Amino acid sequence: MSILILPSARDDLADGFAFYERQEAGVGDYFLESLFSDIESLRIYAGIHPKQFGYHRLLSKRFPYAVFYDQEGKTARIWAVLDCRSDPDAIRERLASLRKK
C-alpha cells in the first residue's frame, strides 16, 4: 500500500506542528514524528479503521488527532489530520468541503 498525503493534510500537519512548537520547543517535532509513525502504519492497516464523515479515521496514538483517509486502488490518500477536540460539526464541514475540491 502506498500513501499519498494531500496538500490539505500537509497544511494540517504544519498547523499542528506550529501549535505544539509554541507550547514548548521540540514538541512540534515530536508531534510530526508521532503522526508520521501513525500514518506509516497505513501501509499495513489501511482500510480497517471505522468510517466517520465518509472517510476512514485513524486515531493518533500520542496526540488528540485523527487522520482522515480513503483508499483508491492500492493507495491510501490522507485528506486531513484534525484535532479531535474540535467541534464535530466543524470537522464534518471541513471534510465535506474537501470532497468538493
PDB file of N, CA and C in Angstrom:
ATOM      1  N   MET A   1       0.859  -1.179   0.000  1.00  0.00           N
ATOM      2  CA  MET A   1       0.000   0.000   0.000  1.00  0.00           C
ATOM      3  C   MET A   1       0.899   1.235   0.000  1.00  0.00           C
ATOM      4  N   SER A   2       0.620   2.142  -0.912  1.00  0.00           N
ATOM      5  CA  SER A   2       1.349   3.413  -0.898  1.00  0.00           C
ATOM      6  C   SER A   2       0.502   4.462  -0.187  1.00  0.00           C
ATOM      7  N   ILE A   3       1.158   5.513   0.232  1.00  0.00           N
ATOM      8  CA  ILE A   3       0.493   6.572   0.991  1.00  0.00           C
ATOM      9  C   ILE A   3       0.717   7.896   0.281  1.00  0.00           C
ATOM     10  N   LEU A   4      -0.366   8.634   0.096  1.00  0.00           N
ATOM     11  CA  LEU A   4      -0.306   9.963  -0.513  1.00  0.00           C
ATOM     12  C   LEU A   4      -0.874  10.962   0.485  1.00  0.00           C
ATOM     13  N   ILE A   5      -0.043  11.897   0.920  1.00  0.00           N
ATOM     14  CA  ILE A   5      -0.505  12.945   1.830  1.00  0.00           C
ATOM     15  C   ILE A   5      -0.857  14.150   0.970  1.00  0.00           C
ATOM     16  N   LEU A   6      -2.135  14.447   0.896  1.00  0.00           N
ATOM     17  CA  LEU A   6      -2.620  15.538   0.050  1.00  0.00           C
ATOM     18  C   LEU A   6      -2.284  16.900   0.678  1.00  0.00           C
ATOM     19  N   PRO A   7      -2.255  17.961  -0.137  1.00  0.00           N
ATOM     20  CA  PRO A   7      -1.886  19.283   0.381  1.00  0.00           C
ATOM     21  C   PRO A   7      -2.726  19.724   1.586  1.00  0.00           C
ATOM     22  N   SER A   8      -3.998  19.400   1.605  1.00  0.00           N
ATOM     23  CA  SER A   8      -4.843  19.795   2.740  1.00  0.00           C
ATOM     24  C   SER A   8      -4.334  19.169   4.032  1.00  0.00           C
ATOM     25  N   ALA A   9      -3.898  17.919   3.976  1.00  0.00           N
ATOM     26  CA  ALA A   9      -3.371  17.238   5.166  1.00  0.00           C
ATOM     27  C   ALA A   9      -1.993  17.777   5.531  1.00  0.00           C
ATOM     28  N   ARG A  10      -1.190  18.116   4.535  1.00  0.00           N
ATOM     29  CA  ARG A  10       0.132  18.705   4.823  1.00  0.00           C
ATOM     30  C   ARG A  10      -0.034  20.023   5.571  1.00  0.00           C
ATOM     31  N   ASP A  11      -1.037  20.809   5.163  1.00  0.00           N
ATOM     32  CA  ASP A  11      -1.317  22.069   5.866  1.00  0.00           C
ATOM     33  C   ASP A  11      -1.731  21.801   7.307  1.00  0.00           C
ATOM     34  N   ASP A  12      -2.564  20.777   7.519  1.00  0.00           N
ATOM     35  CA  ASP A  12      -2.990  20.417   8.873  1.00  0.00           C
ATOM     36  C   ASP A  12      -1.794  20.024   9.740  1.00  0.00           C
ATOM     37  N   LEU A  13      -0.886  19.238   9.168  1.00  0.00           N
ATOM     38  CA  LEU A  13       0.309  18.825   9.915  1.00  0.00           C
ATOM     39  C   LEU A  13       1.173  20.036  10.265  1.00  0.00           C
ATOM     40  N   ALA A  14       1.301  20.973   9.335  1.00  0.00           N
ATOM     41  CA  ALA A  14       2.076  22.192   9.602  1.00  0.00           C
ATOM     42  C   ALA A  14       1.424  23.016  10.713  1.00  0.00           C
ATOM     43  N   ASP A  15       0.096  23.108  10.689  1.00  0.00           N
ATOM     44  CA  ASP A  15      -0.616  23.845  11.745  1.00  0.00           C
ATOM     45  C   ASP A  15      -0.423  23.172  13.104  1.00  0.00           C
ATOM     46  N   GLY A  16      -0.518  21.842  13.140  1.00  0.00           N
ATOM     47  CA  GLY A  16      -0.306  21.111  14.386  1.00  0.00           C
ATOM     48  C   GLY A  16       1.104  21.296  14.906  1.00  0.00           C
ATOM     49  N   PHE A  17       2.079  21.230  13.999  1.00  0.00           N
ATOM     50  CA  PHE A  17       3.470  21.461  14.380  1.00  0.00           C
ATOM     51  C   PHE A  17       3.627  22.837  15.021  1.00  0.00           C
ATOM     52  N   ALA A  18       3.097  23.872  14.358  1.00  0.00           N
ATOM     53  CA  ALA A  18       3.227  25.240  14.869  1.00  0.00           C
ATOM     54  C   ALA A  18       2.572  25.375  16.240  1.00  0.00           C
ATOM     55  N   PHE A  19       1.383  24.792  16.415  1.00  0.00           N
ATOM     56  CA  PHE A  19       0.688  24.865  17.700  1.00  0.00           C
ATOM     57  C   PHE A  19       1.542  24.263  18.817  1.00  0.00           C
ATOM     58  N   TYR A  20       2.031  23.043  18.608  1.00  0.00           N
ATOM     59  CA  TYR A  20       2.786  22.375  19.665  1.00  0.00           C
ATOM     60  C   TYR A  20       4.162  23.000  19.872  1.00  0.00           C
ATOM     61  N   GLU A  21       4.740  23.541  18.833  1.00  0.00           N
ATOM     62  CA  GLU A  21       6.043  24.190  18.970  1.00  0.00           C
ATOM     63  C   GLU A  21       5.913  25.476  19.792  1.00  0.00           C
ATOM     64  N   ARG A  22       4.754  26.146  19.694  1.00  0.00           N
ATOM     65  CA  ARG A  22       4.514  27.334  20.526  1.00  0.00           C
ATOM     66  C   ARG A  22       4.390  26.954  22.005  1.00  0.00           C
ATOM     67  N   GLN A  23       3.940  25.739  22.273  1.00  0.00           N
ATOM     68  CA  GLN A  23       3.785  25.305  23.663  1.00  0.00           C
ATOM     69  C   GLN A  23       5.149  25.106  24.317  1.00  0.00           C
ATOM     70  N   GLU A  24       6.045  24.449  23.573  1.00  0.00           N
ATOM     71  CA  GLU A  24       7.404  24.206  24.066  1.00  0.00           C
ATOM     72  C   GLU A  24       8.276  23.761  22.893  1.00  0.00           C
ATOM     73  N   ALA A  25       9.462  24.326  22.824  1.00  0.00           N
ATOM     74  CA  ALA A  25      10.386  23.987  21.727  1.00  0.00           C
ATOM     75  C   ALA A  25      10.644  22.480  21.703  1.00  0.00           C
ATOM     76  N   GLY A  26      10.547  21.899  20.517  1.00  0.00           N
ATOM     77  CA  GLY A  26      10.796  20.478  20.337  1.00  0.00           C
ATOM     78  C   GLY A  26       9.553  19.620  20.321  1.00  0.00           C
ATOM     79  N   VAL A  27       8.466  20.104  20.908  1.00  0.00           N
ATOM     80  CA  VAL A  27       7.233  19.309  20.943  1.00  0.00           C
ATOM     81  C   VAL A  27       6.618  19.217  19.545  1.00  0.00           C
ATOM     82  N   GLY A  28       6.814  20.243  18.745  1.00  0.00           N
ATOM     83  CA  GLY A  28       6.319  20.200  17.363  1.00  0.00           C
ATOM     84  C   GLY A  28       6.974  19.078  16.574  1.00  0.00           C
ATOM     85  N   ASP A  29       8.273  18.912  16.779  1.00  0.00           N
ATOM     86  CA  ASP A  29       8.973  17.811  16.098  1.00  0.00           C
ATOM     87  C   ASP A  29       8.436  16.459  16.567  1.00  0.00           C
ATOM     88  N   TYR A  30       8.202  16.337  17.871  1.00  0.00           N
ATOM     89  CA  TYR A  30       7.660  15.088  18.410  1.00  0.00           C
ATOM     90  C   TYR A  30       6.263  14.820  17.841  1.00  0.00           C
ATOM     91  N   PHE A  31       5.466  15.887  17.710  1.00  0.00           N
ATOM     92  CA  PHE A  31       4.139  15.769  17.100  1.00  0.00           C
ATOM     93  C   PHE A  31       4.255  15.182  15.687  1.00  0.00           C
ATOM     94  N   LEU A  32       5.129  15.758  14.864  1.00  0.00           N
ATOM     95  CA  LEU A  32       5.271  15.270  13.482  1.00  0.00           C
ATOM     96  C   LEU A  32       5.784  13.835  13.445  1.00  0.00           C
ATOM     97  N   GLU A  33       6.789  13.518  14.266  1.00  0.00           N
ATOM     98  CA  GLU A  33       7.309  12.150  14.299  1.00  0.00           C
ATOM     99  C   GLU A  33       6.206  11.160  14.663  1.00  0.00           C
ATOM    100  N   SER A  34       5.397  11.524  15.640  1.00  0.00           N
ATOM    101  CA  SER A  34       4.312  10.648  16.085  1.00  0.00           C
ATOM    102  C   SER A  34       3.256  10.467  15.005  1.00  0.00           C
ATOM    103  N   LEU A  35       2.843  11.569  14.386  1.00  0.00           N
ATOM    104  CA  LEU A  35       1.803  11.477  13.357  1.00  0.00           C
ATOM    105  C   LEU A  35       2.301  10.737  12.130  1.00  0.00           C
ATOM    106  N   PHE A  36       3.556  10.963  11.737  1.00  0.00           N
ATOM    107  CA  PHE A  36       4.085  10.233  10.586  1.00  0.00           C
ATOM    108  C   PHE A  36       4.207   8.744  10.884  1.00  0.00           C
ATOM    109  N   SER A  37       4.497   8.397  12.128  1.00  0.00           N
ATOM    110  CA  SER A  37       4.518   6.987  12.509  1.00  0.00           C
ATOM    111  C   SER A  37       3.127   6.380  12.380  1.00  0.00           C
ATOM    112  N   ASP A  38       2.113   7.105  12.862  1.00  0.00           N
ATOM    113  CA  ASP A  38       0.725   6.635  12.725  1.00  0.00           C
ATOM    114  C   ASP A  38       0.357   6.478  11.250  1.00  0.00           C
ATOM    115  N   ILE A  39       0.701   7.468  10.449  1.00  0.00           N
ATOM    116  CA  ILE A  39       0.383   7.436   9.016  1.00  0.00           C
ATOM    117  C   ILE A  39       1.094   6.271   8.340  1.00  0.00           C
ATOM    118  N   GLU A  40       2.329   6.039   8.708  1.00  0.00           N
ATOM    119  CA  GLU A  40       3.103   4.943   8.110  1.00  0.00           C
ATOM    120  C   GLU A  40       2.428   3.590   8.362  1.00  0.00           C
ATOM    121  N   SER A  41       1.716   3.456   9.484  1.00  0.00           N
ATOM    122  CA  SER A  41       1.040   2.193   9.787  1.00  0.00           C
ATOM    123  C   SER A  41      -0.037   1.851   8.749  1.00  0.00           C
ATOM    124  N   LEU A  42      -0.456   2.844   7.972  1.00  0.00           N
ATOM    125  CA  LEU A  42      -1.456   2.589   6.934  1.00  0.00           C
ATOM    126  C   LEU A  42      -0.931   1.679   5.837  1.00  0.00           C
ATOM    127  N   ARG A  43       0.367   1.557   5.696  1.00  0.00           N
ATOM    128  CA  ARG A  43       0.924   0.642   4.698  1.00  0.00           C
ATOM    129  C   ARG A  43       0.435  -0.786   4.961  1.00  0.00           C
ATOM    130  N   ILE A  44       0.189  -1.091   6.230  1.00  0.00           N
ATOM    131  CA  ILE A  44      -0.279  -2.423   6.615  1.00  0.00           C
ATOM    132  C   ILE A  44      -1.777  -2.429   6.928  1.00  0.00           C
ATOM    133  N   TYR A  45      -2.254  -1.384   7.611  1.00  0.00           N
ATOM    134  CA  TYR A  45      -3.603  -1.419   8.178  1.00  0.00           C
ATOM    135  C   TYR A  45      -4.639  -0.547   7.465  1.00  0.00           C
ATOM    136  N   ALA A  46      -4.324   0.001   6.316  1.00  0.00           N
ATOM    137  CA  ALA A  46      -5.287   0.856   5.606  1.00  0.00           C
ATOM    138  C   ALA A  46      -6.590   0.106   5.354  1.00  0.00           C
ATOM    139  N   GLY A  47      -7.675   0.775   5.623  1.00  0.00           N
ATOM    140  CA  GLY A  47      -8.995   0.217   5.360  1.00  0.00           C
ATOM    141  C   GLY A  47      -9.654  -0.446   6.546  1.00  0.00           C
ATOM    142  N   ILE A  48      -8.919  -0.686   7.638  1.00  0.00           N
ATOM    143  CA  ILE A  48      -9.534  -1.360   8.787  1.00  0.00           C
ATOM    144  C   ILE A  48     -10.181  -0.390   9.764  1.00  0.00           C
ATOM    145  N   HIS A  49      -9.891   0.890   9.623  1.00  0.00           N
ATOM    146  CA  HIS A  49     -10.405   1.882  10.566  1.00  0.00           C
ATOM    147  C   HIS A  49     -11.858   2.223  10.249  1.00  0.00           C
ATOM    148  N   PRO A  50     -12.639   2.488  11.291  1.00  0.00           N
ATOM    149  CA  PRO A  50     -14.045   2.825  11.055  1.00  0.00           C
ATOM    150  C   PRO A  50     -14.167   4.119  10.255  1.00  0.00           C
ATOM    151  N   LYS A  51     -15.267   4.216   9.537  1.00  0.00           N
ATOM    152  CA  LYS A  51     -15.519   5.434   8.761  1.00  0.00           C
ATOM    153  C   LYS A  51     -16.283   6.446   9.614  1.00  0.00           C
ATOM    154  N   GLN A  52     -15.917   7.685   9.421  1.00  0.00           N
ATOM    155  CA  GLN A  52     -16.630   8.803  10.042  1.00  0.00           C
ATOM    156  C   GLN A  52     -16.645   9.938   9.026  1.00  0.00           C
ATOM    157  N   PHE A  53     -17.812  10.476   8.794  1.00  0.00           N
ATOM    158  CA  PHE A  53     -17.984  11.572   7.841  1.00  0.00           C
ATOM    159  C   PHE A  53     -17.487  11.197   6.441  1.00  0.00           C
ATOM    160  N   GLY A  54     -17.599   9.924   6.083  1.00  0.00           N
ATOM    161  CA  GLY A  54     -17.248   9.482   4.746  1.00  0.00           C
ATOM    162  C   GLY A  54     -15.797   9.098   4.534  1.00  0.00           C
ATOM    163  N   TYR A  55     -14.978   9.180   5.564  1.00  0.00           N
ATOM    164  CA  TYR A  55     -13.559   8.829   5.478  1.00  0.00           C
ATOM    165  C   TYR A  55     -13.224   7.805   6.560  1.00  0.00           C
ATOM    166  N   HIS A  56     -12.205   7.000   6.305  1.00  0.00           N
ATOM    167  CA  HIS A  56     -11.666   6.180   7.381  1.00  0.00           C
ATOM    168  C   HIS A  56     -10.984   7.127   8.368  1.00  0.00           C
ATOM    169  N   ARG A  57     -11.091   6.796   9.664  1.00  0.00           N
ATOM    170  CA  ARG A  57     -10.499   7.655  10.690  1.00  0.00           C
ATOM    171  C   ARG A  57      -9.510   6.848  11.526  1.00  0.00           C
ATOM    172  N   LEU A  58      -8.241   7.196  11.412  1.00  0.00           N
ATOM    173  CA  LEU A  58      -7.168   6.614  12.210  1.00  0.00           C
ATOM    174  C   LEU A  58      -6.875   7.570  13.356  1.00  0.00           C
ATOM    175  N   LEU A  59      -7.008   7.094  14.588  1.00  0.00           N
ATOM    176  CA  LEU A  59      -6.701   7.934  15.747  1.00  0.00           C
ATOM    177  C   LEU A  59      -5.220   7.841  16.073  1.00  0.00           C
ATOM    178  N   SER A  60      -4.614   8.988  16.305  1.00  0.00           N
ATOM    179  CA  SER A  60      -3.208   9.026  16.672  1.00  0.00           C
ATOM    180  C   SER A  60      -3.011   8.383  18.041  1.00  0.00           C
ATOM    181  N   LYS A  61      -1.876   7.744  18.215  1.00  0.00           N
ATOM    182  CA  LYS A  61      -1.589   7.073  19.484  1.00  0.00           C
ATOM    183  C   LYS A  61      -1.152   8.049  20.577  1.00  0.00           C
ATOM    184  N   ARG A  62      -0.541   9.172  20.220  1.00  0.00           N
ATOM    185  CA  ARG A  62       0.051  10.047  21.229  1.00  0.00           C
ATOM    186  C   ARG A  62      -0.566  11.436  21.328  1.00  0.00           C
ATOM    187  N   PHE A  63      -1.265  11.859  20.324  1.00  0.00           N
ATOM    188  CA  PHE A  63      -1.853  13.200  20.312  1.00  0.00           C
ATOM    189  C   PHE A  63      -3.344  13.084  20.016  1.00  0.00           C
ATOM    190  N   PRO A  64      -4.137  14.072  20.437  1.00  0.00           N
ATOM    191  CA  PRO A  64      -5.590  14.006  20.200  1.00  0.00           C
ATOM    192  C   PRO A  64      -5.955  14.395  18.767  1.00  0.00           C
ATOM    193  N   TYR A  65      -5.383  13.683  17.817  1.00  0.00           N
ATOM    194  CA  TYR A  65      -5.594  13.971  16.405  1.00  0.00           C
ATOM    195  C   TYR A  65      -6.116  12.735  15.691  1.00  0.00           C
ATOM    196  N   ALA A  66      -6.836  12.975  14.607  1.00  0.00           N
ATOM    197  CA  ALA A  66      -7.335  11.890  13.767  1.00  0.00           C
ATOM    198  C   ALA A  66      -6.864  12.133  12.335  1.00  0.00           C
ATOM    199  N   VAL A  67      -6.477  11.047  11.694  1.00  0.00           N
ATOM    200  CA  VAL A  67      -6.063  11.073  10.292  1.00  0.00           C
ATOM    201  C   VAL A  67      -7.250  10.556   9.481  1.00  0.00           C
ATOM    202  N   PHE A  68      -7.760  11.390   8.594  1.00  0.00           N
ATOM    203  CA  PHE A  68      -8.899  11.021   7.758  1.00  0.00           C
ATOM    204  C   PHE A  68      -8.374  10.678   6.367  1.00  0.00           C
ATOM    205  N   TYR A  69      -8.697   9.471   5.914  1.00  0.00           N
ATOM    206  CA  TYR A  69      -8.164   8.990   4.644  1.00  0.00           C
ATOM    207  C   TYR A  69      -9.200   8.147   3.908  1.00  0.00           C
ATOM    208  N   ASP A  70      -8.932   7.947   2.624  1.00  0.00           N
ATOM    209  CA  ASP A  70      -9.706   6.980   1.848  1.00  0.00           C
ATOM    210  C   ASP A  70      -8.714   6.135   1.058  1.00  0.00           C
ATOM    211  N   GLN A  71      -9.227   5.169   0.352  1.00  0.00           N
ATOM    212  CA  GLN A  71      -8.380   4.301  -0.455  1.00  0.00           C
ATOM    213  C   GLN A  71      -8.803   4.395  -1.910  1.00  0.00           C
ATOM    214  N   GLU A  72      -7.812   4.490  -2.751  1.00  0.00           N
ATOM    215  CA  GLU A  72      -8.045   4.435  -4.192  1.00  0.00           C
ATOM    216  C   GLU A  72      -7.060   3.408  -4.741  1.00  0.00           C
ATOM    217  N   GLY A  73      -7.575   2.248  -5.083  1.00  0.00           N
ATOM    218  CA  GLY A  73      -6.693   1.159  -5.504  1.00  0.00           C
ATOM    219  C   GLY A  73      -5.792   0.748  -4.358  1.00  0.00           C
ATOM    220  N   LYS A  74      -4.490   0.793  -4.603  1.00  0.00           N
ATOM    221  CA  LYS A  74      -3.521   0.424  -3.576  1.00  0.00           C
ATOM    222  C   LYS A  74      -2.870   1.648  -2.943  1.00  0.00           C
ATOM    223  N   THR A  75      -3.613   2.759  -2.921  1.00  0.00           N
ATOM    224  CA  THR A  75      -3.105   3.994  -2.340  1.00  0.00           C
ATOM    225  C   THR A  75      -4.048   4.483  -1.246  1.00  0.00           C
ATOM    226  N   ALA A  76      -3.475   4.781  -0.082  1.00  0.00           N
ATOM    227  CA  ALA A  76      -4.219   5.443   0.990  1.00  0.00           C
ATOM    228  C   ALA A  76      -3.977   6.941   0.821  1.00  0.00           C
ATOM    229  N   ARG A  77      -5.066   7.677   0.594  1.00  0.00           N
ATOM    230  CA  ARG A  77      -4.955   9.127   0.402  1.00  0.00           C
ATOM    231  C   ARG A  77      -5.356   9.829   1.691  1.00  0.00           C
ATOM    232  N   ILE A  78      -4.421  10.569   2.281  1.00  0.00           N
ATOM    233  CA  ILE A  78      -4.667  11.305   3.517  1.00  0.00           C
ATOM    234  C   ILE A  78      -5.249  12.662   3.138  1.00  0.00           C
ATOM    235  N   TRP A  79      -6.488  12.892   3.561  1.00  0.00           N
ATOM    236  CA  TRP A  79      -7.183  14.137   3.223  1.00  0.00           C
ATOM    237  C   TRP A  79      -7.034  15.193   4.307  1.00  0.00           C
ATOM    238  N   ALA A  80      -7.028  14.771   5.570  1.00  0.00           N
ATOM    239  CA  ALA A  80      -6.977  15.732   6.664  1.00  0.00           C
ATOM    240  C   ALA A  80      -6.381  15.074   7.900  1.00  0.00           C
ATOM    241  N   VAL A  81      -5.762  15.907   8.729  1.00  0.00           N
ATOM    242  CA  VAL A  81      -5.244  15.486  10.030  1.00  0.00           C
ATOM    243  C   VAL A  81      -5.763  16.531  11.013  1.00  0.00           C
ATOM    244  N   LEU A  82      -6.813  16.164  11.752  1.00  0.00           N
ATOM    245  CA  LEU A  82      -7.561  17.150  12.524  1.00  0.00           C
ATOM    246  C   LEU A  82      -7.541  16.872  14.023  1.00  0.00           C
ATOM    247  N   ASP A  83      -7.600  17.943  14.782  1.00  0.00           N
ATOM    248  CA  ASP A  83      -7.641  17.883  16.241  1.00  0.00           C
ATOM    249  C   ASP A  83      -9.006  17.349  16.678  1.00  0.00           C
ATOM    250  N   CYS A  84      -9.013  16.265  17.407  1.00  0.00           N
ATOM    251  CA  CYS A  84     -10.275  15.649  17.854  1.00  0.00           C
ATOM    252  C   CYS A  84     -11.017  16.507  18.867  1.00  0.00           C
ATOM    253  N   ARG A  85     -10.358  17.511  19.418  1.00  0.00           N
ATOM    254  CA  ARG A  85     -11.024  18.396  20.379  1.00  0.00           C
ATOM    255  C   ARG A  85     -11.870  19.454  19.684  1.00  0.00           C
ATOM    256  N   SER A  86     -11.810  19.480  18.362  1.00  0.00           N
ATOM    257  CA  SER A  86     -12.609  20.442  17.590  1.00  0.00           C
ATOM    258  C   SER A  86     -14.080  20.054  17.612  1.00  0.00           C
ATOM    259  N   ASP A  87     -14.912  21.024  17.327  1.00  0.00           N
ATOM    260  CA  ASP A  87     -16.356  20.800  17.236  1.00  0.00           C
ATOM    261  C   ASP A  87     -16.634  19.791  16.111  1.00  0.00           C
ATOM    262  N   PRO A  88     -17.370  18.715  16.404  1.00  0.00           N
ATOM    263  CA  PRO A  88     -17.659  17.713  15.371  1.00  0.00           C
ATOM    264  C   PRO A  88     -18.320  18.297  14.121  1.00  0.00           C
ATOM    265  N   ASP A  89     -19.157  19.312  14.298  1.00  0.00           N
ATOM    266  CA  ASP A  89     -19.779  19.938  13.127  1.00  0.00           C
ATOM    267  C   ASP A  89     -18.731  20.629  12.251  1.00  0.00           C
ATOM    268  N   ALA A  90     -17.740  21.239  12.881  1.00  0.00           N
ATOM    269  CA  ALA A  90     -16.668  21.889  12.117  1.00  0.00           C
ATOM    270  C   ALA A  90     -15.844  20.841  11.370  1.00  0.00           C
ATOM    271  N   ILE A  91     -15.601  19.705  11.998  1.00  0.00           N
ATOM    272  CA  ILE A  91     -14.868  18.624  11.338  1.00  0.00           C
ATOM    273  C   ILE A  91     -15.673  18.104  10.154  1.00  0.00           C
ATOM    274  N   ARG A  92     -16.961  17.890  10.349  1.00  0.00           N
ATOM    275  CA  ARG A  92     -17.833  17.404   9.275  1.00  0.00           C
ATOM    276  C   ARG A  92     -17.813  18.377   8.090  1.00  0.00           C
ATOM    277  N   GLU A  93     -17.944  19.671   8.370  1.00  0.00           N
ATOM    278  CA  GLU A  93     -17.949  20.676   7.305  1.00  0.00           C
ATOM    279  C   GLU A  93     -16.611  20.724   6.575  1.00  0.00           C
ATOM    280  N   ARG A  94     -15.529  20.638   7.334  1.00  0.00           N
ATOM    281  CA  ARG A  94     -14.197  20.663   6.716  1.00  0.00           C
ATOM    282  C   ARG A  94     -14.024  19.475   5.772  1.00  0.00           C
ATOM    283  N   LEU A  95     -14.401  18.291   6.227  1.00  0.00           N
ATOM    284  CA  LEU A  95     -14.256  17.099   5.394  1.00  0.00           C
ATOM    285  C   LEU A  95     -15.184  17.147   4.180  1.00  0.00           C
ATOM    286  N   ALA A  96     -16.381  17.673   4.358  1.00  0.00           N
ATOM    287  CA  ALA A  96     -17.304  17.805   3.225  1.00  0.00           C
ATOM    288  C   ALA A  96     -16.750  18.770   2.183  1.00  0.00           C
ATOM    289  N   SER A  97     -16.087  19.822   2.639  1.00  0.00           N
ATOM    290  CA  SER A  97     -15.524  20.793   1.689  1.00  0.00           C
ATOM    291  C   SER A  97     -14.371  20.193   0.890  1.00  0.00           C
ATOM    292  N   LEU A  98     -13.660  19.230   1.460  1.00  0.00           N
ATOM    293  CA  LEU A  98     -12.550  18.598   0.741  1.00  0.00           C
ATOM    294  C   LEU A  98     -13.058  17.755  -0.423  1.00  0.00           C
ATOM    295  N   ARG A  99     -14.192  17.146  -0.273  1.00  0.00           N
ATOM    296  CA  ARG A  99     -14.769  16.309  -1.342  1.00  0.00           C
ATOM    297  C   ARG A  99     -15.161  17.141  -2.558  1.00  0.00           C
ATOM    298  N   LYS A 100     -15.475  18.410  -2.318  1.00  0.00           N
ATOM    299  CA  LYS A 100     -15.939  19.276  -3.407  1.00  0.00           C
ATOM    300  C   LYS A 100     -14.777  19.793  -4.265  1.00  0.00           C
ATOM    301  N   LYS A 101     -13.556  19.665  -3.758  1.00  0.00           N
ATOM    302  CA  LYS A 101     -12.390  20.209  -4.489  1.00  0.00           C
ATOM    303  C   LYS A 101     -11.971  19.278  -5.591  1.00  0.00           C
TER     304      LYS A 101
END
